[in-house]
Amino acid sequence: MKTASITAIVSACVLALCLKGLHLFHLIQWHPLGFYKKWHLFEGSSKLFQWSFFIFLLCILSFLLFMTLRYLHMIPAVLSSLLLGLLVTITLEWVVLDLPLQLVSFKKLSIPFIVIVICLLRFLLETANFHQKEHTAQKEN
């Protein structure tokens, strides 16, 4: 449980920093905190609070992913992180950018964002797999 928490915190902080960097250098066409404005949440609050709450949400999501993905140790982490990362990022950008279902829409997807999410999912998967195998080995002893 401690490992899952630490891994989730690190993953959430790295993803938040990467999203800020991608937005700063215009590598993504949307703002990471844009959903606050869309849903009218925390409009009067400071940016520090908004980013802190966003990191908290990412941490919860990472923790849930860690706990779920540790049971996928039979599937290689490369394959599952690639497929899950592509599915999540393409769906997320499709919804955020409100793209039509056409092949031309694929040109508007951010490749650096896709790569970052896939790398972080690989980090989560490899850590979860390692600790699940270690836990199984300790049970057998």
N, C-alpha and C. Protein backbone atom coordinates (compact mmCIF):
# COMPACT_ATOMS: atom_id res chain seq x y z
N MET A 1 0.82 -1.19 0.00
CA MET A 1 0.00 0.00 0.00
C MET A 1 0.87 1.26 0.00
N LYS A 2 1.97 1.20 0.75
CA LYS A 2 2.89 2.34 0.80
C LYS A 2 3.54 2.55 -0.56
N THR A 3 3.93 1.47 -1.21
CA THR A 3 4.55 1.56 -2.53
C THR A 3 3.57 2.13 -3.55
N ALA A 4 2.33 1.71 -3.48
CA ALA A 4 1.31 2.21 -4.40
C ALA A 4 1.09 3.70 -4.21
N SER A 5 1.08 4.15 -2.96
CA SER A 5 0.88 5.57 -2.68
C SER A 5 2.04 6.42 -3.20
N ILE A 6 3.25 5.97 -2.93
CA ILE A 6 4.43 6.73 -3.37
C ILE A 6 4.51 6.75 -4.90
N THR A 7 4.24 5.62 -5.52
CA THR A 7 4.26 5.54 -6.98
C THR A 7 3.19 6.45 -7.58
N ALA A 8 2.02 6.47 -6.99
CA ALA A 8 0.94 7.31 -7.48
C ALA A 8 1.28 8.80 -7.35
N ILE A 9 1.89 9.18 -6.24
CA ILE A 9 2.26 10.58 -6.03
C ILE A 9 3.32 11.01 -7.05
N VAL A 10 4.33 10.17 -7.24
CA VAL A 10 5.39 10.49 -8.21
C VAL A 10 4.81 10.59 -9.62
N SER A 11 3.98 9.65 -9.98
CA SER A 11 3.37 9.64 -11.31
C SER A 11 2.50 10.87 -11.54
N ALA A 12 1.71 11.24 -10.54
CA ALA A 12 0.83 12.41 -10.67
C ALA A 12 1.63 13.70 -10.79
N CYS A 13 2.68 13.83 -9.99
CA CYS A 13 3.50 15.05 -10.05
C CYS A 13 4.23 15.16 -11.39
N VAL A 14 4.78 14.06 -11.86
CA VAL A 14 5.48 14.07 -13.15
C VAL A 14 4.52 14.39 -14.28
N LEU A 15 3.33 13.80 -14.27
CA LEU A 15 2.36 14.08 -15.32
C LEU A 15 1.91 15.54 -15.29
N ALA A 16 1.69 16.08 -14.10
CA ALA A 16 1.29 17.49 -14.00
C ALA A 16 2.40 18.41 -14.52
N LEU A 17 3.64 18.12 -14.16
CA LEU A 17 4.76 18.93 -14.66
C LEU A 17 4.89 18.82 -16.18
N CYS A 18 4.74 17.63 -16.69
CA CYS A 18 4.83 17.42 -18.14
C CYS A 18 3.70 18.13 -18.87
N LEU A 19 2.49 18.08 -18.32
CA LEU A 19 1.37 18.78 -18.94
C LEU A 19 1.59 20.28 -18.94
N LYS A 20 2.13 20.81 -17.85
CA LYS A 20 2.43 22.24 -17.79
C LYS A 20 3.49 22.60 -18.84
N GLY A 21 4.50 21.76 -18.96
CA GLY A 21 5.54 22.00 -19.96
C GLY A 21 5.01 21.90 -21.38
N LEU A 22 4.18 20.90 -21.65
CA LEU A 22 3.59 20.76 -22.98
C LEU A 22 2.73 21.96 -23.33
N HIS A 23 1.98 22.45 -22.33
CA HIS A 23 1.16 23.63 -22.58
C HIS A 23 2.01 24.88 -22.76
N LEU A 24 3.06 24.99 -21.97
CA LEU A 24 3.95 26.16 -22.04
C LEU A 24 4.62 26.28 -23.41
N PHE A 25 5.04 25.15 -23.97
CA PHE A 25 5.72 25.15 -25.26
C PHE A 25 4.77 24.88 -26.43
N HIS A 26 3.47 24.97 -26.17
CA HIS A 26 2.42 24.85 -27.20
C HIS A 26 2.48 23.51 -27.94
N LEU A 27 2.78 22.44 -27.21
CA LEU A 27 2.79 21.11 -27.80
C LEU A 27 1.43 20.41 -27.66
N ILE A 28 0.57 20.99 -26.83
CA ILE A 28 -0.83 20.55 -26.77
C ILE A 28 -1.69 21.78 -27.02
N GLN A 29 -2.83 21.56 -27.65
CA GLN A 29 -3.69 22.67 -28.05
C GLN A 29 -4.76 22.97 -27.01
N TRP A 30 -4.64 22.44 -25.83
CA TRP A 30 -5.63 22.63 -24.78
C TRP A 30 -4.91 22.89 -23.47
N HIS A 31 -5.61 23.51 -22.54
CA HIS A 31 -5.03 23.81 -21.24
C HIS A 31 -5.35 22.68 -20.27
N PRO A 32 -4.36 22.20 -19.51
CA PRO A 32 -4.62 21.09 -18.59
C PRO A 32 -5.70 21.38 -17.54
N LEU A 33 -5.86 22.64 -17.18
CA LEU A 33 -6.88 23.01 -16.20
C LEU A 33 -8.13 23.57 -16.86
N GLY A 34 -8.29 23.35 -18.14
CA GLY A 34 -9.42 23.90 -18.88
C GLY A 34 -10.76 23.34 -18.44
N PHE A 35 -10.76 22.16 -17.83
CA PHE A 35 -12.03 21.58 -17.40
C PHE A 35 -12.63 22.36 -16.23
N TYR A 36 -11.81 23.09 -15.47
CA TYR A 36 -12.35 23.93 -14.40
C TYR A 36 -13.28 25.00 -14.97
N LYS A 37 -12.81 25.64 -16.04
CA LYS A 37 -13.60 26.70 -16.66
C LYS A 37 -14.84 26.12 -17.33
N LYS A 38 -14.69 24.97 -17.96
CA LYS A 38 -15.81 24.35 -18.67
C LYS A 38 -16.92 23.94 -17.70
N TRP A 39 -16.54 23.41 -16.54
CA TRP A 39 -17.51 22.93 -15.57
C TRP A 39 -17.80 23.96 -14.48
N HIS A 40 -17.21 25.16 -14.58
CA HIS A 40 -17.40 26.25 -13.62
C HIS A 40 -17.00 25.84 -12.20
N LEU A 41 -15.83 25.24 -12.10
CA LEU A 41 -15.29 24.83 -10.81
C LEU A 41 -14.13 25.72 -10.42
N PHE A 42 -14.07 26.11 -9.18
CA PHE A 42 -12.93 26.85 -8.60
C PHE A 42 -12.54 28.07 -9.44
N GLU A 43 -13.51 28.78 -9.98
CA GLU A 43 -13.19 29.93 -10.84
C GLU A 43 -12.50 31.05 -10.09
N GLY A 44 -12.86 31.26 -8.84
CA GLY A 44 -12.26 32.35 -8.07
C GLY A 44 -11.03 31.96 -7.29
N SER A 45 -10.64 30.72 -7.35
CA SER A 45 -9.50 30.26 -6.55
C SER A 45 -8.17 30.50 -7.28
N SER A 46 -7.10 30.37 -6.52
CA SER A 46 -5.77 30.63 -7.08
C SER A 46 -5.32 29.48 -7.98
N LYS A 47 -4.35 29.78 -8.80
CA LYS A 47 -3.78 28.75 -9.69
C LYS A 47 -3.09 27.64 -8.89
N LEU A 48 -2.48 28.02 -7.77
CA LEU A 48 -1.81 27.03 -6.93
C LEU A 48 -2.82 26.00 -6.41
N PHE A 49 -3.98 26.48 -5.95
CA PHE A 49 -5.01 25.55 -5.49
C PHE A 49 -5.52 24.68 -6.64
N GLN A 50 -5.72 25.29 -7.81
CA GLN A 50 -6.22 24.54 -8.96
C GLN A 50 -5.24 23.44 -9.36
N TRP A 51 -3.95 23.75 -9.41
CA TRP A 51 -2.95 22.75 -9.76
C TRP A 51 -2.83 21.70 -8.66
N SER A 52 -2.91 22.11 -7.41
CA SER A 52 -2.84 21.15 -6.30
C SER A 52 -4.00 20.16 -6.35
N PHE A 53 -5.19 20.67 -6.61
CA PHE A 53 -6.36 19.79 -6.71
C PHE A 53 -6.24 18.88 -7.92
N PHE A 54 -5.70 19.40 -9.02
CA PHE A 54 -5.49 18.60 -10.22
C PHE A 54 -4.49 17.47 -9.95
N ILE A 55 -3.42 17.77 -9.24
CA ILE A 55 -2.43 16.76 -8.88
C ILE A 55 -3.06 15.73 -7.95
N PHE A 56 -3.91 16.18 -7.04
CA PHE A 56 -4.62 15.26 -6.15
C PHE A 56 -5.50 14.29 -6.94
N LEU A 57 -6.23 14.82 -7.93
CA LEU A 57 -7.06 13.96 -8.78
C LEU A 57 -6.22 12.97 -9.57
N LEU A 58 -5.10 13.45 -10.11
CA LEU A 58 -4.19 12.56 -10.84
C LEU A 58 -3.61 11.49 -9.92
N CYS A 59 -3.35 11.85 -8.68
CA CYS A 59 -2.81 10.90 -7.71
C CYS A 59 -3.83 9.80 -7.41
N ILE A 60 -5.07 10.18 -7.23
CA ILE A 60 -6.12 9.18 -6.99
C ILE A 60 -6.26 8.26 -8.20
N LEU A 61 -6.26 8.85 -9.38
CA LEU A 61 -6.37 8.05 -10.60
C LEU A 61 -5.17 7.11 -10.75
N SER A 62 -3.98 7.60 -10.48
CA SER A 62 -2.77 6.76 -10.56
C SER A 62 -2.81 5.63 -9.54
N PHE A 63 -3.29 5.93 -8.34
CA PHE A 63 -3.39 4.90 -7.30
C PHE A 63 -4.36 3.80 -7.72
N LEU A 64 -5.51 4.20 -8.25
CA LEU A 64 -6.49 3.21 -8.72
C LEU A 64 -5.94 2.39 -9.87
N LEU A 65 -5.22 3.05 -10.79
CA LEU A 65 -4.60 2.33 -11.89
C LEU A 65 -3.55 1.34 -11.38
N PHE A 66 -2.75 1.77 -10.43
CA PHE A 66 -1.73 0.90 -9.86
C PHE A 66 -2.35 -0.34 -9.24
N MET A 67 -3.40 -0.14 -8.45
CA MET A 67 -4.05 -1.27 -7.78
C MET A 67 -4.72 -2.20 -8.79
N THR A 68 -5.24 -1.64 -9.87
CA THR A 68 -5.89 -2.45 -10.89
C THR A 68 -4.88 -3.16 -11.77
N LEU A 69 -3.85 -2.45 -12.17
CA LEU A 69 -2.89 -2.99 -13.13
C LEU A 69 -1.93 -4.03 -12.55
N ARG A 70 -1.88 -4.13 -11.25
CA ARG A 70 -0.97 -5.13 -10.70
C ARG A 70 -1.44 -6.55 -10.96
N TYR A 71 -2.69 -6.71 -11.39
CA TYR A 71 -3.19 -8.03 -11.73
C TYR A 71 -2.99 -8.37 -13.20
N LEU A 72 -2.35 -7.49 -13.95
CA LEU A 72 -2.05 -7.75 -15.36
C LEU A 72 -0.62 -8.23 -15.56
N HIS A 73 -0.05 -8.89 -14.57
CA HIS A 73 1.36 -9.29 -14.66
C HIS A 73 1.60 -10.38 -15.69
N MET A 74 0.56 -11.00 -16.20
CA MET A 74 0.73 -12.02 -17.24
C MET A 74 0.97 -11.39 -18.62
N ILE A 75 0.44 -10.19 -18.82
CA ILE A 75 0.62 -9.48 -20.09
C ILE A 75 1.88 -8.62 -19.98
N PRO A 76 2.74 -8.62 -20.99
CA PRO A 76 3.94 -7.78 -20.93
C PRO A 76 3.58 -6.30 -20.77
N ALA A 77 4.34 -5.61 -19.93
CA ALA A 77 4.05 -4.20 -19.63
C ALA A 77 4.18 -3.32 -20.87
N VAL A 78 5.06 -3.69 -21.78
CA VAL A 78 5.23 -2.89 -23.00
C VAL A 78 3.94 -2.88 -23.80
N LEU A 79 3.36 -4.03 -23.99
CA LEU A 79 2.15 -4.14 -24.79
C LEU A 79 0.95 -3.49 -24.11
N SER A 80 0.74 -3.80 -22.85
CA SER A 80 -0.44 -3.25 -22.16
C SER A 80 -0.34 -1.74 -21.97
N SER A 81 0.85 -1.21 -21.67
CA SER A 81 0.98 0.25 -21.52
C SER A 81 0.80 0.95 -22.85
N LEU A 82 1.29 0.34 -23.92
CA LEU A 82 1.13 0.94 -25.25
C LEU A 82 -0.34 0.99 -25.64
N LEU A 83 -1.04 -0.11 -25.50
CA LEU A 83 -2.45 -0.14 -25.88
C LEU A 83 -3.31 0.74 -24.99
N LEU A 84 -3.11 0.64 -23.68
CA LEU A 84 -3.90 1.45 -22.76
C LEU A 84 -3.58 2.93 -22.93
N GLY A 85 -2.30 3.26 -23.10
CA GLY A 85 -1.90 4.66 -23.29
C GLY A 85 -2.49 5.26 -24.55
N LEU A 86 -2.42 4.51 -25.65
CA LEU A 86 -3.02 5.01 -26.90
C LEU A 86 -4.52 5.21 -26.76
N LEU A 87 -5.18 4.26 -26.15
CA LEU A 87 -6.62 4.36 -25.97
C LEU A 87 -7.00 5.57 -25.12
N VAL A 88 -6.32 5.74 -24.01
CA VAL A 88 -6.64 6.84 -23.09
C VAL A 88 -6.32 8.20 -23.71
N THR A 89 -5.14 8.35 -24.29
CA THR A 89 -4.76 9.66 -24.81
C THR A 89 -5.56 10.06 -26.03
N ILE A 90 -5.78 9.14 -26.92
CA ILE A 90 -6.56 9.48 -28.12
C ILE A 90 -7.99 9.83 -27.74
N THR A 91 -8.57 9.07 -26.83
CA THR A 91 -9.92 9.37 -26.37
C THR A 91 -9.98 10.71 -25.66
N LEU A 92 -9.02 10.96 -24.79
CA LEU A 92 -9.00 12.22 -24.05
C LEU A 92 -8.87 13.42 -24.98
N GLU A 93 -7.93 13.36 -25.91
CA GLU A 93 -7.75 14.50 -26.82
C GLU A 93 -8.93 14.64 -27.77
N TRP A 94 -9.53 13.55 -28.15
CA TRP A 94 -10.69 13.61 -29.03
C TRP A 94 -11.84 14.34 -28.32
N VAL A 95 -12.03 14.04 -27.05
CA VAL A 95 -13.10 14.67 -26.29
C VAL A 95 -12.76 16.14 -25.99
N VAL A 96 -11.53 16.41 -25.57
CA VAL A 96 -11.13 17.77 -25.21
C VAL A 96 -11.16 18.70 -26.42
N LEU A 97 -10.62 18.24 -27.54
CA LEU A 97 -10.57 19.08 -28.73
C LEU A 97 -11.86 19.04 -29.54
N ASP A 98 -12.78 18.15 -29.19
CA ASP A 98 -14.06 18.00 -29.89
C ASP A 98 -13.83 17.78 -31.38
N LEU A 99 -13.02 16.77 -31.68
CA LEU A 99 -12.65 16.48 -33.07
C LEU A 99 -13.72 15.63 -33.76
N PRO A 100 -13.89 15.83 -35.06
CA PRO A 100 -14.81 14.97 -35.79
C PRO A 100 -14.17 13.60 -36.04
N LEU A 101 -14.99 12.62 -36.33
CA LEU A 101 -14.49 11.26 -36.57
C LEU A 101 -14.03 11.13 -38.02
N GLN A 102 -12.87 11.72 -38.31
CA GLN A 102 -12.29 11.68 -39.64
C GLN A 102 -10.80 11.39 -39.50
N LEU A 103 -10.21 10.89 -40.57
CA LEU A 103 -8.77 10.61 -40.52
C LEU A 103 -7.93 11.88 -40.40
N VAL A 104 -8.45 12.99 -40.87
CA VAL A 104 -7.72 14.27 -40.78
C VAL A 104 -7.53 14.68 -39.32
N SER A 105 -8.41 14.23 -38.45
CA SER A 105 -8.35 14.59 -37.03
C SER A 105 -7.11 14.03 -36.34
N PHE A 106 -6.54 12.95 -36.86
CA PHE A 106 -5.35 12.37 -36.25
C PHE A 106 -4.15 13.31 -36.31
N LYS A 107 -4.13 14.23 -37.26
CA LYS A 107 -3.02 15.18 -37.36
C LYS A 107 -3.03 16.17 -36.21
N LYS A 108 -4.16 16.37 -35.56
CA LYS A 108 -4.27 17.34 -34.47
C LYS A 108 -3.92 16.74 -33.12
N LEU A 109 -3.72 15.43 -33.06
CA LEU A 109 -3.36 14.79 -31.80
C LEU A 109 -1.91 15.10 -31.45
N SER A 110 -1.64 15.26 -30.18
CA SER A 110 -0.29 15.60 -29.71
C SER A 110 0.52 14.34 -29.45
N ILE A 111 1.52 14.12 -30.26
CA ILE A 111 2.39 12.95 -30.10
C ILE A 111 3.20 13.02 -28.80
N PRO A 112 3.75 14.19 -28.40
CA PRO A 112 4.47 14.23 -27.12
C PRO A 112 3.58 13.87 -25.93
N PHE A 113 2.32 14.28 -25.96
CA PHE A 113 1.40 13.92 -24.88
C PHE A 113 1.17 12.41 -24.85
N ILE A 114 1.00 11.81 -26.00
CA ILE A 114 0.79 10.37 -26.09
C ILE A 114 2.01 9.62 -25.54
N VAL A 115 3.20 10.08 -25.91
CA VAL A 115 4.43 9.43 -25.45
C VAL A 115 4.60 9.55 -23.93
N ILE A 116 4.30 10.71 -23.38
CA ILE A 116 4.43 10.91 -21.94
C ILE A 116 3.47 10.00 -21.18
N VAL A 117 2.24 9.92 -21.63
CA VAL A 117 1.26 9.07 -20.94
C VAL A 117 1.66 7.59 -21.05
N ILE A 118 2.13 7.18 -22.21
CA ILE A 118 2.56 5.79 -22.36
C ILE A 118 3.75 5.48 -21.45
N CYS A 119 4.70 6.40 -21.35
CA CYS A 119 5.85 6.19 -20.47
C CYS A 119 5.43 6.12 -19.00
N LEU A 120 4.51 6.99 -18.59
CA LEU A 120 4.05 6.94 -17.20
C LEU A 120 3.23 5.69 -16.91
N LEU A 121 2.46 5.24 -17.88
CA LEU A 121 1.74 3.98 -17.70
C LEU A 121 2.71 2.80 -17.61
N ARG A 122 3.76 2.86 -18.37
CA ARG A 122 4.78 1.80 -18.29
C ARG A 122 5.44 1.79 -16.92
N PHE A 123 5.71 2.99 -16.40
CA PHE A 123 6.27 3.12 -15.05
C PHE A 123 5.32 2.50 -14.02
N LEU A 124 4.04 2.83 -14.10
CA LEU A 124 3.05 2.27 -13.18
C LEU A 124 2.96 0.74 -13.32
N LEU A 125 2.90 0.28 -14.56
CA LEU A 125 2.76 -1.15 -14.81
C LEU A 125 3.98 -1.95 -14.34
N GLU A 126 5.15 -1.47 -14.67
CA GLU A 126 6.37 -2.20 -14.26
C GLU A 126 6.49 -2.24 -12.74
N THR A 127 6.19 -1.13 -12.08
CA THR A 127 6.25 -1.11 -10.63
C THR A 127 5.21 -2.03 -10.02
N ALA A 128 3.98 -1.97 -10.55
CA ALA A 128 2.92 -2.84 -10.05
C ALA A 128 3.24 -4.31 -10.28
N ASN A 129 3.74 -4.64 -11.46
CA ASN A 129 4.09 -6.03 -11.76
C ASN A 129 5.21 -6.53 -10.84
N PHE A 130 6.22 -5.71 -10.64
CA PHE A 130 7.33 -6.11 -9.79
C PHE A 130 6.85 -6.40 -8.36
N HIS A 131 6.05 -5.50 -7.82
CA HIS A 131 5.61 -5.69 -6.44
C HIS A 131 4.59 -6.81 -6.31
N GLN A 132 3.81 -7.05 -7.34
CA GLN A 132 2.88 -8.19 -7.30
C GLN A 132 3.66 -9.50 -7.33
N LYS A 133 4.68 -9.60 -8.17
CA LYS A 133 5.50 -10.81 -8.22
C LYS A 133 6.26 -11.00 -6.91
N GLU A 134 6.75 -9.91 -6.33
CA GLU A 134 7.45 -10.01 -5.05
C GLU A 134 6.49 -10.48 -3.96
N HIS A 135 5.28 -9.96 -3.97
CA HIS A 135 4.28 -10.35 -2.98
C HIS A 135 3.92 -11.84 -3.14
N THR A 136 3.78 -12.28 -4.40
CA THR A 136 3.49 -13.70 -4.65
C THR A 136 4.63 -14.59 -4.21
N ALA A 137 5.86 -14.16 -4.45
CA ALA A 137 7.03 -14.95 -4.05
C ALA A 137 7.13 -15.04 -2.52
N GLN A 138 6.79 -13.97 -1.82
CA GLN A 138 6.84 -14.00 -0.35
C GLN A 138 5.76 -14.92 0.22
N LYS A 139 4.62 -14.99 -0.45
CA LYS A 139 3.56 -15.89 0.01
C LYS A 139 3.99 -17.35 -0.13
N GLU A 140 4.72 -17.65 -1.21
CA GLU A 140 5.15 -19.03 -1.44
C GLU A 140 6.21 -19.47 -0.46
N ASN A 141 6.99 -18.54 0.05
CA ASN A 141 8.03 -18.88 1.04
C ASN A 141 7.39 -19.06 2.34
